[in-house]
Amino acid sequence: MSQKIIKHIHFHLTLQLEESNITLNRNFYDLGTI
């Protein structure tokens, strides 16, 4: 695998992780405000 592909996959995974973290944080915030 070329370095370009590895970087692309890594970027994609990082992006997905950040999105799920934001969703989790929002859920915890909603729980805290109830």
PDB file of N, CA and C in Angstrom:
ATOM      1  N   MET A   1       0.841  -1.205   0.000  1.00  0.00           N
ATOM      2  CA  MET A   1       0.000   0.000   0.000  1.00  0.00           C
ATOM      3  C   MET A   1       0.876   1.255   0.000  1.00  0.00           C
ATOM      4  N   SER A   2       0.490   2.192  -0.815  1.00  0.00           N
ATOM      5  CA  SER A   2       1.272   3.430  -0.883  1.00  0.00           C
ATOM      6  C   SER A   2       0.958   4.335   0.294  1.00  0.00           C
ATOM      7  N   GLN A   3       1.858   5.243   0.555  1.00  0.00           N
ATOM      8  CA  GLN A   3       1.705   6.169   1.684  1.00  0.00           C
ATOM      9  C   GLN A   3       0.439   7.007   1.538  1.00  0.00           C
ATOM     10  N   LYS A   4       0.086   7.328   0.298  1.00  0.00           N
ATOM     11  CA  LYS A   4      -1.084   8.161   0.030  1.00  0.00           C
ATOM     12  C   LYS A   4      -2.357   7.473   0.514  1.00  0.00           C
ATOM     13  N   ILE A   5      -2.480   6.178   0.201  1.00  0.00           N
ATOM     14  CA  ILE A   5      -3.676   5.424   0.591  1.00  0.00           C
ATOM     15  C   ILE A   5      -3.762   5.329   2.107  1.00  0.00           C
ATOM     16  N   ILE A   6      -2.626   5.055   2.745  1.00  0.00           N
ATOM     17  CA  ILE A   6      -2.601   4.940   4.209  1.00  0.00           C
ATOM     18  C   ILE A   6      -3.041   6.248   4.844  1.00  0.00           C
ATOM     19  N   LYS A   7      -2.534   7.366   4.328  1.00  0.00           N
ATOM     20  CA  LYS A   7      -2.916   8.669   4.875  1.00  0.00           C
ATOM     21  C   LYS A   7      -4.405   8.917   4.694  1.00  0.00           C
ATOM     22  N   HIS A   8      -4.931   8.526   3.537  1.00  0.00           N
ATOM     23  CA  HIS A   8      -6.352   8.739   3.248  1.00  0.00           C
ATOM     24  C   HIS A   8      -7.217   7.945   4.220  1.00  0.00           C
ATOM     25  N   ILE A   9      -6.859   6.680   4.437  1.00  0.00           N
ATOM     26  CA  ILE A   9      -7.623   5.829   5.361  1.00  0.00           C
ATOM     27  C   ILE A   9      -7.530   6.389   6.775  1.00  0.00           C
ATOM     28  N   HIS A  10      -6.333   6.797   7.174  1.00  0.00           N
ATOM     29  CA  HIS A  10      -6.132   7.344   8.518  1.00  0.00           C
ATOM     30  C   HIS A  10      -6.971   8.592   8.723  1.00  0.00           C
ATOM     31  N   PHE A  11      -7.003   9.458   7.716  1.00  0.00           N
ATOM     32  CA  PHE A  11      -7.795  10.689   7.787  1.00  0.00           C
ATOM     33  C   PHE A  11      -9.271  10.355   7.926  1.00  0.00           C
ATOM     34  N   HIS A  12      -9.728   9.367   7.163  1.00  0.00           N
ATOM     35  CA  HIS A  12     -11.134   8.973   7.175  1.00  0.00           C
ATOM     36  C   HIS A  12     -11.531   8.411   8.536  1.00  0.00           C
ATOM     37  N   LEU A  13     -10.673   7.558   9.093  1.00  0.00           N
ATOM     38  CA  LEU A  13     -10.954   6.966  10.400  1.00  0.00           C
ATOM     39  C   LEU A  13     -10.987   8.028  11.485  1.00  0.00           C
ATOM     40  N   THR A  14     -10.044   8.960  11.434  1.00  0.00           N
ATOM     41  CA  THR A  14     -10.000  10.033  12.430  1.00  0.00           C
ATOM     42  C   THR A  14     -11.267  10.865  12.364  1.00  0.00           C
ATOM     43  N   LEU A  15     -11.722  11.136  11.151  1.00  0.00           N
ATOM     44  CA  LEU A  15     -12.929  11.930  10.953  1.00  0.00           C
ATOM     45  C   LEU A  15     -14.132  11.217  11.564  1.00  0.00           C
ATOM     46  N   GLN A  16     -14.239   9.912  11.329  1.00  0.00           N
ATOM     47  CA  GLN A  16     -15.365   9.148  11.862  1.00  0.00           C
ATOM     48  C   GLN A  16     -15.326   9.098  13.384  1.00  0.00           C
ATOM     49  N   LEU A  17     -14.132   8.951  13.946  1.00  0.00           N
ATOM     50  CA  LEU A  17     -13.982   8.935  15.397  1.00  0.00           C
ATOM     51  C   LEU A  17     -14.442  10.248  16.004  1.00  0.00           C
ATOM     52  N   GLU A  18     -14.036  11.353  15.404  1.00  0.00           N
ATOM     53  CA  GLU A  18     -14.424  12.662  15.930  1.00  0.00           C
ATOM     54  C   GLU A  18     -15.929  12.846  15.856  1.00  0.00           C
ATOM     55  N   GLU A  19     -16.547  12.380  14.777  1.00  0.00           N
ATOM     56  CA  GLU A  19     -17.994  12.521  14.633  1.00  0.00           C
ATOM     57  C   GLU A  19     -18.723  11.712  15.697  1.00  0.00           C
ATOM     58  N   SER A  20     -18.271  10.487  15.965  1.00  0.00           N
ATOM     59  CA  SER A  20     -18.935   9.671  16.978  1.00  0.00           C
ATOM     60  C   SER A  20     -18.694  10.238  18.371  1.00  0.00           C
ATOM     61  N   ASN A  21     -17.524  10.840  18.598  1.00  0.00           N
ATOM     62  CA  ASN A  21     -17.255  11.488  19.883  1.00  0.00           C
ATOM     63  C   ASN A  21     -18.189  12.664  20.102  1.00  0.00           C
ATOM     64  N   ILE A  22     -18.411  13.452  19.058  1.00  0.00           N
ATOM     65  CA  ILE A  22     -19.325  14.594  19.159  1.00  0.00           C
ATOM     66  C   ILE A  22     -20.729  14.094  19.482  1.00  0.00           C
ATOM     67  N   THR A  23     -21.149  13.025  18.827  1.00  0.00           N
ATOM     68  CA  THR A  23     -22.478  12.461  19.077  1.00  0.00           C
ATOM     69  C   THR A  23     -22.585  11.970  20.514  1.00  0.00           C
ATOM     70  N   LEU A  24     -21.546  11.280  20.995  1.00  0.00           N
ATOM     71  CA  LEU A  24     -21.537  10.799  22.373  1.00  0.00           C
ATOM     72  C   LEU A  24     -21.620  11.954  23.356  1.00  0.00           C
ATOM     73  N   ASN A  25     -20.824  12.981  23.132  1.00  0.00           N
ATOM     74  CA  ASN A  25     -20.825  14.139  24.024  1.00  0.00           C
ATOM     75  C   ASN A  25     -22.195  14.791  24.060  1.00  0.00           C
ATOM     76  N   ARG A  26     -22.844  14.881  22.910  1.00  0.00           N
ATOM     77  CA  ARG A  26     -24.164  15.487  22.840  1.00  0.00           C
ATOM     78  C   ARG A  26     -25.166  14.644  23.629  1.00  0.00           C
ATOM     79  N   ASN A  27     -25.049  13.326  23.518  1.00  0.00           N
ATOM     80  CA  ASN A  27     -25.952  12.445  24.254  1.00  0.00           C
ATOM     81  C   ASN A  27     -25.756  12.590  25.757  1.00  0.00           C
ATOM     82  N   PHE A  28     -24.511  12.650  26.198  1.00  0.00           N
ATOM     83  CA  PHE A  28     -24.233  12.822  27.623  1.00  0.00           C
ATOM     84  C   PHE A  28     -24.740  14.174  28.113  1.00  0.00           C
ATOM     85  N   TYR A  29     -24.602  15.179  27.283  1.00  0.00           N
ATOM     86  CA  TYR A  29     -25.078  16.519  27.647  1.00  0.00           C
ATOM     87  C   TYR A  29     -26.600  16.504  27.798  1.00  0.00           C
ATOM     88  N   ASP A  30     -27.277  15.819  26.867  1.00  0.00           N
ATOM     89  CA  ASP A  30     -28.738  15.709  26.942  1.00  0.00           C
ATOM     90  C   ASP A  30     -29.150  14.981  28.219  1.00  0.00           C
ATOM     91  N   LEU A  31     -28.415  13.931  28.572  1.00  0.00           N
ATOM     92  CA  LEU A  31     -28.721  13.196  29.802  1.00  0.00           C
ATOM     93  C   LEU A  31     -28.536  14.090  31.019  1.00  0.00           C
ATOM     94  N   GLY A  32     -27.505  14.919  30.987  1.00  0.00           N
ATOM     95  CA  GLY A  32     -27.202  15.778  32.125  1.00  0.00           C
ATOM     96  C   GLY A  32     -28.217  16.886  32.322  1.00  0.00           C
ATOM     97  N   THR A  33     -28.928  17.260  31.265  1.00  0.00           N
ATOM     98  CA  THR A  33     -29.860  18.378  31.378  1.00  0.00           C
ATOM     99  C   THR A  33     -31.267  17.918  31.741  1.00  0.00           C
ATOM    100  N   ILE A  34     -31.466  16.617  31.760  1.00  0.00           N
ATOM    101  CA  ILE A  34     -32.798  16.098  32.102  1.00  0.00           C
ATOM    102  C   ILE A  34     -33.037  16.257  33.608  1.00  0.00           C
TER     103      ILE A  34
END
